[in-house]
């Protein structure tokens, strides 16, 4: 039997405040995770590249290389490991910029360790590890081209959802906008899939927070809005997402 088969999942914590890092480490170990802690940006980036963690908990304000630059470097590497940002209470700029760079979620200081663990598990439920968004190189795995109409088709790994020129292959986690393949983060992909599964239905922000992020209560609307803006920007003119003012979002059929 492979000894790694039952090894705990590794979470990398990059946090320069020792007491916060230890608190996070203690709670994660209690929840069954293995934990590596780094106290500055360069060490955190090196560890993320070397250790292949299932997730990274990343403070924004770090010595040497701040969390935003570290996240930017990971995404530039093509590494879509789930990232949970830790930000200051009122620093909306850090939160928005972090989400725009591809963070999956955030918590603000001071935070409840239980909330952090719950958000981490919600992120991990939407992924299958750090390679969840790695695009298949199997030519046979290319998604079918756009076709008329919206709705799911049968695909070998799951449904293929269509809305106009946008094709989303759920099983292979691949997206086409016309003849262009689009790379989305885990959360962006799941947000688009939630909208395309029920085209024409208006989804409230709270409903999307529950369906995509796993939250049962509103955590503020900026998380949803920023991710929608990112998906729209990546899809370009082909984007089927439409804002319903004062309510939420829908996807045109």
C-alpha atoms as a PDB file:
ATOM      1  CA  UNK A   1       0.000   0.000   0.000  1.00  0.00           C
ATOM      2  CA  UNK A   2       1.224   3.514  -0.818  1.00  0.00           C
ATOM      3  CA  UNK A   3       2.295   5.207   2.393  1.00  0.00           C
ATOM      4  CA  UNK A   4       1.203   8.579   0.985  1.00  0.00           C
ATOM      5  CA  UNK A   5      -2.367   7.369   0.473  1.00  0.00           C
ATOM      6  CA  UNK A   6      -3.268   8.211   4.082  1.00  0.00           C
ATOM      7  CA  UNK A   7      -0.938  11.170   4.553  1.00  0.00           C
ATOM      8  CA  UNK A   8      -2.707  14.314   5.825  1.00  0.00           C
ATOM      9  CA  UNK A   9      -3.281  17.104   3.367  1.00  0.00           C
ATOM     10  CA  UNK A  10      -0.668  19.835   3.595  1.00  0.00           C
ATOM     11  CA  UNK A  11      -1.659  23.465   4.113  1.00  0.00           C
ATOM     12  CA  UNK A  12       0.941  26.207   3.822  1.00  0.00           C
ATOM     13  CA  UNK A  13       0.495  29.163   6.189  1.00  0.00           C
ATOM     14  CA  UNK A  14       2.408  32.334   5.304  1.00  0.00           C
ATOM     15  CA  UNK A  15       2.033  34.682   8.274  1.00  0.00           C
ATOM     16  CA  UNK A  16       4.611  36.945   9.927  1.00  0.00           C
ATOM     17  CA  UNK A  17       2.812  37.331  13.278  1.00  0.00           C
ATOM     18  CA  UNK A  18       4.007  34.321  15.229  1.00  0.00           C
ATOM     19  CA  UNK A  19       1.043  34.097  17.608  1.00  0.00           C
ATOM     20  CA  UNK A  20      -1.464  34.168  14.722  1.00  0.00           C
ATOM     21  CA  UNK A  21       0.535  31.616  12.742  1.00  0.00           C
ATOM     22  CA  UNK A  22       0.639  29.298  15.755  1.00  0.00           C
ATOM     23  CA  UNK A  23      -3.105  29.688  16.366  1.00  0.00           C
ATOM     24  CA  UNK A  24      -3.859  28.803  12.737  1.00  0.00           C
ATOM     25  CA  UNK A  25      -1.410  25.891  12.828  1.00  0.00           C
ATOM     26  CA  UNK A  26      -2.972  24.519  16.035  1.00  0.00           C
ATOM     27  CA  UNK A  27      -6.505  24.592  14.654  1.00  0.00           C
ATOM     28  CA  UNK A  28      -5.518  23.071  11.309  1.00  0.00           C
ATOM     29  CA  UNK A  29      -3.596  20.230  12.980  1.00  0.00           C
ATOM     30  CA  UNK A  30      -6.619  19.596  15.185  1.00  0.00           C
ATOM     31  CA  UNK A  31      -8.683  19.303  11.987  1.00  0.00           C
ATOM     32  CA  UNK A  32      -6.323  16.682  10.571  1.00  0.00           C
ATOM     33  CA  UNK A  33      -4.138  18.789   8.265  1.00  0.00           C
ATOM     34  CA  UNK A  34      -0.367  18.825   8.052  1.00  0.00           C
ATOM     35  CA  UNK A  35       0.909  22.402   8.288  1.00  0.00           C
ATOM     36  CA  UNK A  36       4.011  24.238   7.155  1.00  0.00           C
ATOM     37  CA  UNK A  37       4.511  27.826   8.347  1.00  0.00           C
ATOM     38  CA  UNK A  38       6.641  30.520   6.725  1.00  0.00           C
ATOM     39  CA  UNK A  39       7.081  34.015   8.162  1.00  0.00           C
ATOM     40  CA  UNK A  40       7.946  36.104   5.100  1.00  0.00           C
ATOM     41  CA  UNK A  41       7.044  36.416   1.441  1.00  0.00           C
ATOM     42  CA  UNK A  42      10.155  34.973  -0.227  1.00  0.00           C
ATOM     43  CA  UNK A  43      10.145  31.927   2.053  1.00  0.00           C
ATOM     44  CA  UNK A  44       6.421  31.482   1.468  1.00  0.00           C
ATOM     45  CA  UNK A  45       6.802  31.602  -2.304  1.00  0.00           C
ATOM     46  CA  UNK A  46       9.665  29.092  -2.215  1.00  0.00           C
ATOM     47  CA  UNK A  47       7.616  26.752  -0.020  1.00  0.00           C
ATOM     48  CA  UNK A  48       4.532  27.031  -2.224  1.00  0.00           C
ATOM     49  CA  UNK A  49       6.637  26.082  -5.245  1.00  0.00           C
ATOM     50  CA  UNK A  50       8.456  23.221  -3.509  1.00  0.00           C
ATOM     51  CA  UNK A  51       5.796  21.607  -1.305  1.00  0.00           C
ATOM     52  CA  UNK A  52       2.668  21.487  -3.535  1.00  0.00           C
ATOM     53  CA  UNK A  53       0.215  22.193  -0.689  1.00  0.00           C
ATOM     54  CA  UNK A  54      -3.512  21.637  -1.142  1.00  0.00           C
ATOM     55  CA  UNK A  55      -4.088  25.254  -0.063  1.00  0.00           C
ATOM     56  CA  UNK A  56      -2.243  28.377   1.051  1.00  0.00           C
ATOM     57  CA  UNK A  57      -3.366  30.673   3.862  1.00  0.00           C
ATOM     58  CA  UNK A  58      -1.672  33.936   3.014  1.00  0.00           C
ATOM     59  CA  UNK A  59      -1.354  37.168   4.975  1.00  0.00           C
ATOM     60  CA  UNK A  60      -1.403  40.194   2.703  1.00  0.00           C
ATOM     61  CA  UNK A  61       1.075  42.247   4.721  1.00  0.00           C
ATOM     62  CA  UNK A  62       4.334  40.283   4.699  1.00  0.00           C
ATOM     63  CA  UNK A  63       7.998  41.305   4.920  1.00  0.00           C
ATOM     64  CA  UNK A  64      10.192  40.855   1.868  1.00  0.00           C
ATOM     65  CA  UNK A  65       7.365  40.171  -0.588  1.00  0.00           C
ATOM     66  CA  UNK A  66       3.793  41.071   0.240  1.00  0.00           C
ATOM     67  CA  UNK A  67       0.974  38.598  -0.152  1.00  0.00           C
ATOM     68  CA  UNK A  68      -0.387  40.205  -3.308  1.00  0.00           C
ATOM     69  CA  UNK A  69       2.963  39.901  -5.070  1.00  0.00           C
ATOM     70  CA  UNK A  70       3.358  36.334  -3.831  1.00  0.00           C
ATOM     71  CA  UNK A  71      -0.085  35.467  -5.193  1.00  0.00           C
ATOM     72  CA  UNK A  72       0.696  37.190  -8.491  1.00  0.00           C
ATOM     73  CA  UNK A  73       3.903  35.149  -8.788  1.00  0.00           C
ATOM     74  CA  UNK A  74       2.068  31.868  -8.155  1.00  0.00           C
ATOM     75  CA  UNK A  75      -0.580  32.625 -10.764  1.00  0.00           C
ATOM     76  CA  UNK A  76       2.105  33.694 -13.229  1.00  0.00           C
ATOM     77  CA  UNK A  77       3.684  30.257 -12.669  1.00  0.00           C
ATOM     78  CA  UNK A  78       0.376  28.686 -13.687  1.00  0.00           C
ATOM     79  CA  UNK A  79      -0.120  27.459 -10.097  1.00  0.00           C
ATOM     80  CA  UNK A  80      -3.828  27.616  -9.208  1.00  0.00           C
ATOM     81  CA  UNK A  81      -3.497  26.245  -5.674  1.00  0.00           C
ATOM     82  CA  UNK A  82      -6.449  27.539  -3.627  1.00  0.00           C
ATOM     83  CA  UNK A  83      -5.452  30.680  -1.693  1.00  0.00           C
ATOM     84  CA  UNK A  84      -7.229  32.101   1.346  1.00  0.00           C
ATOM     85  CA  UNK A  85      -6.145  35.671   2.095  1.00  0.00           C
ATOM     86  CA  UNK A  86      -5.830  37.137   5.586  1.00  0.00           C
ATOM     87  CA  UNK A  87      -6.341  40.903   5.518  1.00  0.00           C
ATOM     88  CA  UNK A  88      -6.731  43.837   7.902  1.00  0.00           C
ATOM     89  CA  UNK A  89     -10.271  44.543   9.087  1.00  0.00           C
ATOM     90  CA  UNK A  90     -10.938  47.636   6.971  1.00  0.00           C
ATOM     91  CA  UNK A  91      -8.556  47.069   4.080  1.00  0.00           C
ATOM     92  CA  UNK A  92     -11.050  46.643   1.241  1.00  0.00           C
ATOM     93  CA  UNK A  93      -8.374  47.478  -1.326  1.00  0.00           C
ATOM     94  CA  UNK A  94      -6.294  44.468  -0.265  1.00  0.00           C
ATOM     95  CA  UNK A  95      -9.327  42.197  -0.424  1.00  0.00           C
ATOM     96  CA  UNK A  96     -10.463  43.382  -3.844  1.00  0.00           C
ATOM     97  CA  UNK A  97      -6.967  43.329  -5.355  1.00  0.00           C
ATOM     98  CA  UNK A  98      -6.364  39.866  -3.902  1.00  0.00           C
ATOM     99  CA  UNK A  99      -9.574  38.513  -5.402  1.00  0.00           C
ATOM    100  CA  UNK A 100      -8.739  40.116  -8.729  1.00  0.00           C
ATOM    101  CA  UNK A 101      -5.345  38.377  -8.667  1.00  0.00           C
ATOM    102  CA  UNK A 102      -7.026  35.004  -8.187  1.00  0.00           C
ATOM    103  CA  UNK A 103      -7.478  34.455  -4.451  1.00  0.00           C
ATOM    104  CA  UNK A 104     -10.355  32.103  -3.673  1.00  0.00           C
ATOM    105  CA  UNK A 105     -11.559  33.771  -0.485  1.00  0.00           C
ATOM    106  CA  UNK A 106     -10.462  35.937   2.429  1.00  0.00           C
ATOM    107  CA  UNK A 107     -10.870  36.450   6.172  1.00  0.00           C
ATOM    108  CA  UNK A 108     -10.267  39.687   8.041  1.00  0.00           C
ATOM    109  CA  UNK A 109      -8.362  40.210  11.265  1.00  0.00           C
ATOM    110  CA  UNK A 110      -9.364  39.606  13.978  1.00  0.00           C
ATOM    111  CA  UNK A 111     -10.948  36.359  12.811  1.00  0.00           C
ATOM    112  CA  UNK A 112     -12.350  33.257  14.398  1.00  0.00           C
ATOM    113  CA  UNK A 113     -10.089  30.241  13.766  1.00  0.00           C
ATOM    114  CA  UNK A 114     -13.246  28.177  13.333  1.00  0.00           C
ATOM    115  CA  UNK A 115     -14.428  30.513  10.594  1.00  0.00           C
ATOM    116  CA  UNK A 116     -11.048  30.281   8.885  1.00  0.00           C
ATOM    117  CA  UNK A 117     -11.157  26.480   8.954  1.00  0.00           C
ATOM    118  CA  UNK A 118     -14.756  26.488   7.682  1.00  0.00           C
ATOM    119  CA  UNK A 119     -13.819  28.761   4.783  1.00  0.00           C
ATOM    120  CA  UNK A 120     -10.769  26.646   4.000  1.00  0.00           C
ATOM    121  CA  UNK A 121     -12.902  23.507   3.864  1.00  0.00           C
ATOM    122  CA  UNK A 122     -15.442  25.285   1.650  1.00  0.00           C
ATOM    123  CA  UNK A 123     -12.644  26.190  -0.769  1.00  0.00           C
ATOM    124  CA  UNK A 124     -11.273  22.648  -0.720  1.00  0.00           C
ATOM    125  CA  UNK A 125     -14.717  21.177  -1.399  1.00  0.00           C
ATOM    126  CA  UNK A 126     -14.657  23.068  -4.687  1.00  0.00           C
ATOM    127  CA  UNK A 127     -11.270  21.684  -5.645  1.00  0.00           C
ATOM    128  CA  UNK A 128      -9.435  18.399  -5.923  1.00  0.00           C
ATOM    129  CA  UNK A 129      -6.060  19.728  -4.829  1.00  0.00           C
ATOM    130  CA  UNK A 130      -3.548  22.180  -6.201  1.00  0.00           C
ATOM    131  CA  UNK A 131      -3.789  20.828  -9.730  1.00  0.00           C
ATOM    132  CA  UNK A 132      -7.578  21.129  -9.914  1.00  0.00           C
ATOM    133  CA  UNK A 133      -7.388  23.774 -12.595  1.00  0.00           C
ATOM    134  CA  UNK A 134      -4.469  22.363 -14.534  1.00  0.00           C
ATOM    135  CA  UNK A 135      -5.609  22.120 -18.100  1.00  0.00           C
ATOM    136  CA  UNK A 136      -5.536  18.689 -19.651  1.00  0.00           C
ATOM    137  CA  UNK A 137      -2.968  18.151 -22.370  1.00  0.00           C
ATOM    138  CA  UNK A 138      -4.844  15.175 -23.746  1.00  0.00           C
ATOM    139  CA  UNK A 139      -5.983  16.167 -27.206  1.00  0.00           C
ATOM    140  CA  UNK A 140      -8.885  13.777 -26.899  1.00  0.00           C
ATOM    141  CA  UNK A 141     -10.053  15.769 -23.892  1.00  0.00           C
ATOM    142  CA  UNK A 142     -10.732  19.007 -25.759  1.00  0.00           C
ATOM    143  CA  UNK A 143     -14.238  20.323 -25.131  1.00  0.00           C
ATOM    144  CA  UNK A 144     -16.718  20.371 -27.946  1.00  0.00           C
ATOM    145  CA  UNK A 145     -17.026  23.581 -29.918  1.00  0.00           C
ATOM    146  CA  UNK A 146     -19.855  26.063 -29.375  1.00  0.00           C
ATOM    147  CA  UNK A 147     -23.271  25.096 -30.645  1.00  0.00           C
ATOM    148  CA  UNK A 148     -26.715  26.587 -30.814  1.00  0.00           C
ATOM    149  CA  UNK A 149     -28.817  26.881 -27.686  1.00  0.00           C
ATOM    150  CA  UNK A 150     -28.054  26.662 -23.985  1.00  0.00           C
ATOM    151  CA  UNK A 151     -28.160  23.850 -21.496  1.00  0.00           C
ATOM    152  CA  UNK A 152     -26.162  20.736 -20.573  1.00  0.00           C
ATOM    153  CA  UNK A 153     -24.952  18.145 -23.030  1.00  0.00           C
ATOM    154  CA  UNK A 154     -23.548  14.780 -22.023  1.00  0.00           C
ATOM    155  CA  UNK A 155     -19.771  14.774 -21.711  1.00  0.00           C
ATOM    156  CA  UNK A 156     -17.412  11.948 -20.769  1.00  0.00           C
ATOM    157  CA  UNK A 157     -16.473  13.621 -17.465  1.00  0.00           C
ATOM    158  CA  UNK A 158     -19.711  15.452 -16.731  1.00  0.00           C
ATOM    159  CA  UNK A 159     -22.126  17.915 -18.313  1.00  0.00           C
ATOM    160  CA  UNK A 160     -21.084  20.452 -20.917  1.00  0.00           C
ATOM    161  CA  UNK A 161     -22.907  23.735 -20.295  1.00  0.00           C
ATOM    162  CA  UNK A 162     -23.471  26.233 -23.106  1.00  0.00           C
ATOM    163  CA  UNK A 163     -24.625  29.839 -23.266  1.00  0.00           C
ATOM    164  CA  UNK A 164     -24.170  31.489 -26.626  1.00  0.00           C
ATOM    165  CA  UNK A 165     -20.503  31.268 -27.555  1.00  0.00           C
ATOM    166  CA  UNK A 166     -19.456  30.126 -24.069  1.00  0.00           C
ATOM    167  CA  UNK A 167     -18.905  26.404 -23.485  1.00  0.00           C
ATOM    168  CA  UNK A 168     -18.091  25.080 -20.008  1.00  0.00           C
ATOM    169  CA  UNK A 169     -16.929  21.462 -19.663  1.00  0.00           C
ATOM    170  CA  UNK A 170     -17.634  20.590 -16.034  1.00  0.00           C
ATOM    171  CA  UNK A 171     -15.787  17.285 -16.010  1.00  0.00           C
ATOM    172  CA  UNK A 172     -12.558  18.636 -17.488  1.00  0.00           C
ATOM    173  CA  UNK A 173     -12.933  22.100 -15.928  1.00  0.00           C
ATOM    174  CA  UNK A 174     -12.298  23.839 -19.223  1.00  0.00           C
ATOM    175  CA  UNK A 175     -13.971  26.899 -20.699  1.00  0.00           C
ATOM    176  CA  UNK A 176     -14.225  28.173 -24.270  1.00  0.00           C
ATOM    177  CA  UNK A 177     -15.360  31.645 -25.308  1.00  0.00           C
ATOM    178  CA  UNK A 178     -15.850  31.246 -29.036  1.00  0.00           C
ATOM    179  CA  UNK A 179     -12.675  29.543 -30.288  1.00  0.00           C
ATOM    180  CA  UNK A 180     -10.590  30.858 -27.373  1.00  0.00           C
ATOM    181  CA  UNK A 181      -9.833  28.780 -24.285  1.00  0.00           C
ATOM    182  CA  UNK A 182     -10.199  30.749 -21.056  1.00  0.00           C
ATOM    183  CA  UNK A 183      -8.358  30.036 -17.810  1.00  0.00           C
ATOM    184  CA  UNK A 184     -10.485  30.606 -14.710  1.00  0.00           C
ATOM    185  CA  UNK A 185      -9.666  30.184 -11.050  1.00  0.00           C
ATOM    186  CA  UNK A 186     -11.492  27.450  -9.145  1.00  0.00           C
ATOM    187  CA  UNK A 187     -13.985  29.919  -7.708  1.00  0.00           C
ATOM    188  CA  UNK A 188     -14.516  31.727 -11.006  1.00  0.00           C
ATOM    189  CA  UNK A 189     -15.210  28.408 -12.727  1.00  0.00           C
ATOM    190  CA  UNK A 190     -17.702  27.322 -10.065  1.00  0.00           C
ATOM    191  CA  UNK A 191     -19.433  30.707 -10.162  1.00  0.00           C
ATOM    192  CA  UNK A 192     -19.856  30.524 -13.937  1.00  0.00           C
ATOM    193  CA  UNK A 193     -21.080  26.919 -13.684  1.00  0.00           C
ATOM    194  CA  UNK A 194     -23.671  27.895 -11.046  1.00  0.00           C
ATOM    195  CA  UNK A 195     -25.066  30.558 -13.373  1.00  0.00           C
ATOM    196  CA  UNK A 196     -24.995  28.412 -16.520  1.00  0.00           C
ATOM    197  CA  UNK A 197     -26.691  25.440 -14.886  1.00  0.00           C
ATOM    198  CA  UNK A 198     -29.890  27.488 -14.601  1.00  0.00           C
ATOM    199  CA  UNK A 199     -29.840  30.061 -17.404  1.00  0.00           C
ATOM    200  CA  UNK A 200     -32.372  32.838 -17.050  1.00  0.00           C
ATOM    201  CA  UNK A 201     -32.755  32.325 -13.293  1.00  0.00           C
ATOM    202  CA  UNK A 202     -31.836  35.368 -11.208  1.00  0.00           C
ATOM    203  CA  UNK A 203     -29.366  34.391  -8.487  1.00  0.00           C
ATOM    204  CA  UNK A 204     -29.125  36.659  -5.462  1.00  0.00           C
ATOM    205  CA  UNK A 205     -25.692  37.401  -4.051  1.00  0.00           C
ATOM    206  CA  UNK A 206     -26.544  35.478  -0.880  1.00  0.00           C
ATOM    207  CA  UNK A 207     -27.652  32.488  -2.976  1.00  0.00           C
ATOM    208  CA  UNK A 208     -24.363  32.532  -4.872  1.00  0.00           C
ATOM    209  CA  UNK A 209     -22.406  32.841  -1.632  1.00  0.00           C
ATOM    210  CA  UNK A 210     -24.193  29.728  -0.383  1.00  0.00           C
ATOM    211  CA  UNK A 211     -23.943  27.732  -3.630  1.00  0.00           C
ATOM    212  CA  UNK A 212     -20.379  28.634  -4.635  1.00  0.00           C
ATOM    213  CA  UNK A 213     -18.610  29.597  -1.418  1.00  0.00           C
ATOM    214  CA  UNK A 214     -20.599  27.395   0.968  1.00  0.00           C
ATOM    215  CA  UNK A 215     -21.664  30.242   3.255  1.00  0.00           C
ATOM    216  CA  UNK A 216     -25.021  30.143   4.970  1.00  0.00           C
ATOM    217  CA  UNK A 217     -25.069  33.865   5.786  1.00  0.00           C
ATOM    218  CA  UNK A 218     -24.057  36.943   3.855  1.00  0.00           C
ATOM    219  CA  UNK A 219     -20.347  37.689   4.040  1.00  0.00           C
ATOM    220  CA  UNK A 220     -20.700  40.970   2.128  1.00  0.00           C
ATOM    221  CA  UNK A 221     -21.387  41.451  -1.553  1.00  0.00           C
ATOM    222  CA  UNK A 222     -17.959  42.491  -2.788  1.00  0.00           C
ATOM    223  CA  UNK A 223     -16.734  38.907  -2.962  1.00  0.00           C
ATOM    224  CA  UNK A 224     -19.427  37.969  -5.474  1.00  0.00           C
ATOM    225  CA  UNK A 225     -19.206  41.235  -7.402  1.00  0.00           C
ATOM    226  CA  UNK A 226     -15.433  41.100  -7.822  1.00  0.00           C
ATOM    227  CA  UNK A 227     -15.503  37.498  -9.010  1.00  0.00           C
ATOM    228  CA  UNK A 228     -18.300  38.239 -11.482  1.00  0.00           C
ATOM    229  CA  UNK A 229     -16.299  41.178 -12.825  1.00  0.00           C
ATOM    230  CA  UNK A 230     -13.270  38.938 -13.281  1.00  0.00           C
ATOM    231  CA  UNK A 231     -15.245  36.243 -15.109  1.00  0.00           C
ATOM    232  CA  UNK A 232     -16.778  38.840 -17.404  1.00  0.00           C
ATOM    233  CA  UNK A 233     -13.392  40.355 -18.168  1.00  0.00           C
ATOM    234  CA  UNK A 234     -11.917  36.953 -19.033  1.00  0.00           C
ATOM    235  CA  UNK A 235     -14.841  35.905 -21.222  1.00  0.00           C
ATOM    236  CA  UNK A 236     -14.924  39.256 -22.996  1.00  0.00           C
ATOM    237  CA  UNK A 237     -17.820  40.077 -25.344  1.00  0.00           C
ATOM    238  CA  UNK A 238     -18.994  36.461 -25.200  1.00  0.00           C
ATOM    239  CA  UNK A 239     -19.905  36.734 -21.501  1.00  0.00           C
ATOM    240  CA  UNK A 240     -23.543  35.710 -20.919  1.00  0.00           C
ATOM    241  CA  UNK A 241     -23.633  37.132 -17.369  1.00  0.00           C
ATOM    242  CA  UNK A 242     -26.098  39.949 -16.819  1.00  0.00           C
ATOM    243  CA  UNK A 243     -26.594  42.105 -13.717  1.00  0.00           C
ATOM    244  CA  UNK A 244     -30.089  42.361 -12.268  1.00  0.00           C
ATOM    245  CA  UNK A 245     -29.902  45.640 -10.406  1.00  0.00           C
ATOM    246  CA  UNK A 246     -30.582  45.389  -6.705  1.00  0.00           C
ATOM    247  CA  UNK A 247     -30.945  41.603  -6.842  1.00  0.00           C
ATOM    248  CA  UNK A 248     -27.959  39.731  -8.256  1.00  0.00           C
ATOM    249  CA  UNK A 249     -26.934  38.048 -11.498  1.00  0.00           C
ATOM    250  CA  UNK A 250     -28.276  35.811 -14.232  1.00  0.00           C
ATOM    251  CA  UNK A 251     -26.878  34.100 -17.331  1.00  0.00           C
ATOM    252  CA  UNK A 252     -28.592  34.595 -20.663  1.00  0.00           C
ATOM    253  CA  UNK A 253     -29.558  31.406 -22.450  1.00  0.00           C
END
